[in-house]
Amino acid sequence: MAEQSKPGSGNLNRLIQSLAVAQHNRMVRELQAGGYKWGPKHDKTKKLSPWLAPWHSLNEQIKKEYMAQAAKIPDIVDEAGYALVSAGAMTRLGLLGDAAEEKQTKGA
């Protein structure tokens, strides 16, 4: 994975943060679908989980766990022979239409 000092590392850090938040939101949906509610400690019997807090309210340890998981994704993609490329870069290269970039911009 790119190190802090390498060019574009700011973009990589933003990507990792976005992936971590997306993973958190997916986990929240799954837990809620399973009947879980927020609780200060995870309790399978009572279906309580501290992971149901909004991202900005999560404790730093939980955020670090999500960030560690997300940080592995670029390496996994690279090892599989693929590359992560932004929609904006794809559009500039003529590989993606303007409508897709507009959708990406609105979603940000």
Protein backbone atom coordinates (compact mmCIF):
# COMPACT_ATOMS: atom_id res chain seq x y z
CA MET A 1 0.00 0.00 0.00
CA ALA A 2 1.12 3.59 -0.55
CA GLU A 3 2.98 5.17 2.32
CA GLN A 4 2.28 8.61 3.74
CA SER A 5 5.23 10.16 1.92
CA LYS A 6 4.28 8.90 -1.54
CA PRO A 7 2.42 11.14 -4.01
CA GLY A 8 -1.33 10.72 -3.85
CA SER A 9 -1.29 9.36 -0.30
CA GLY A 10 -3.86 12.00 0.69
CA ASN A 11 -6.23 10.51 -1.87
CA LEU A 12 -5.50 7.04 -0.54
CA ASN A 13 -6.19 8.15 3.01
CA ARG A 14 -9.52 9.67 1.91
CA LEU A 15 -10.38 6.45 0.09
CA ILE A 16 -9.58 4.34 3.16
CA GLN A 17 -11.70 6.65 5.33
CA SER A 18 -14.59 6.40 2.84
CA LEU A 19 -14.30 2.61 2.72
CA ALA A 20 -14.26 2.43 6.53
CA VAL A 21 -17.39 4.57 6.81
CA ALA A 22 -19.13 2.53 4.08
CA GLN A 23 -18.23 -0.70 5.90
CA HIS A 24 -19.57 0.75 9.15
CA ASN A 25 -22.84 1.76 7.49
CA ARG A 26 -23.18 -1.73 5.98
CA MET A 27 -22.55 -3.30 9.39
CA VAL A 28 -25.17 -1.04 11.00
CA ARG A 29 -27.76 -2.11 8.39
CA GLU A 30 -26.95 -5.79 8.96
CA LEU A 31 -27.14 -5.53 12.75
CA GLN A 32 -30.39 -3.56 12.62
CA ALA A 33 -31.87 -6.09 10.19
CA GLY A 34 -30.98 -8.75 12.76
CA GLY A 35 -32.87 -6.89 15.48
CA TYR A 36 -29.89 -5.26 17.20
CA LYS A 37 -30.12 -1.95 19.07
CA TRP A 38 -27.36 0.30 20.36
CA GLY A 39 -25.83 -0.64 23.71
CA PRO A 40 -22.56 0.27 25.44
CA LYS A 41 -21.35 -3.37 25.30
CA HIS A 42 -21.97 -6.09 22.74
CA ASP A 43 -24.56 -8.54 24.06
CA LYS A 44 -25.83 -11.28 21.73
CA THR A 45 -28.62 -12.31 24.09
CA LYS A 46 -30.06 -8.80 24.38
CA LYS A 47 -29.04 -7.93 20.82
CA LEU A 48 -27.08 -4.83 21.84
CA SER A 49 -24.00 -3.44 20.10
CA PRO A 50 -21.82 -0.33 20.49
CA TRP A 51 -21.12 -0.57 16.73
CA LEU A 52 -24.57 0.91 15.98
CA ALA A 53 -23.51 4.44 16.88
CA PRO A 54 -23.13 6.91 13.98
CA TRP A 55 -19.55 7.04 12.62
CA HIS A 56 -18.79 10.40 14.25
CA SER A 57 -19.89 9.01 17.64
CA LEU A 58 -17.93 5.75 17.51
CA ASN A 59 -15.10 5.35 19.98
CA GLU A 60 -11.62 5.57 18.49
CA GLN A 61 -10.89 1.85 18.95
CA ILE A 62 -13.87 0.86 16.80
CA LYS A 63 -12.90 3.43 14.15
CA LYS A 64 -9.34 2.07 14.13
CA GLU A 65 -10.67 -1.45 13.55
CA TYR A 66 -12.72 -0.29 10.56
CA MET A 67 -9.77 1.72 9.21
CA ALA A 68 -7.44 -1.30 9.53
CA GLN A 69 -9.90 -3.45 7.57
CA ALA A 70 -10.34 -0.77 4.90
CA ALA A 71 -6.57 -0.20 4.60
CA LYS A 72 -6.18 -3.77 3.32
CA ILE A 73 -8.52 -3.27 0.36
CA PRO A 74 -6.12 -1.38 -1.97
CA ASP A 75 -3.49 -4.12 -1.53
CA ILE A 76 -6.06 -6.86 -2.17
CA VAL A 77 -7.23 -5.08 -5.33
CA ASP A 78 -3.60 -4.64 -6.47
CA GLU A 79 -2.70 -8.28 -5.78
CA ALA A 80 -5.71 -9.32 -7.87
CA GLY A 81 -4.27 -7.35 -10.79
CA TYR A 82 -6.66 -4.41 -10.65
CA ALA A 83 -6.33 -0.73 -9.82
CA LEU A 84 -8.49 1.73 -7.95
CA VAL A 85 -9.19 4.75 -10.12
CA SER A 86 -11.49 7.67 -9.30
CA ALA A 87 -14.50 8.40 -11.50
CA GLY A 88 -13.05 11.87 -12.15
CA ALA A 89 -9.78 10.41 -13.46
CA MET A 90 -11.67 7.94 -15.64
CA THR A 91 -13.71 10.79 -17.13
CA ARG A 92 -10.58 12.87 -17.81
CA LEU A 93 -9.09 9.86 -19.60
CA GLY A 94 -12.27 9.54 -21.68
CA LEU A 95 -13.12 6.16 -20.15
CA LEU A 96 -16.26 7.27 -18.34
CA GLY A 97 -19.06 9.59 -19.42
CA ASP A 98 -19.81 12.96 -17.79
CA ALA A 99 -23.07 11.61 -16.31
CA ALA A 100 -21.14 9.09 -14.21
CA GLU A 101 -18.83 11.83 -12.89
CA GLU A 102 -21.84 14.01 -12.03
CA LYS A 103 -23.36 11.10 -10.11
CA GLN A 104 -20.05 10.60 -8.26
CA THR A 105 -19.82 14.32 -7.41
CA LYS A 106 -23.41 14.47 -6.14
CA GLY A 107 -22.84 11.40 -3.98
CA ALA A 108 -19.78 12.92 -2.31
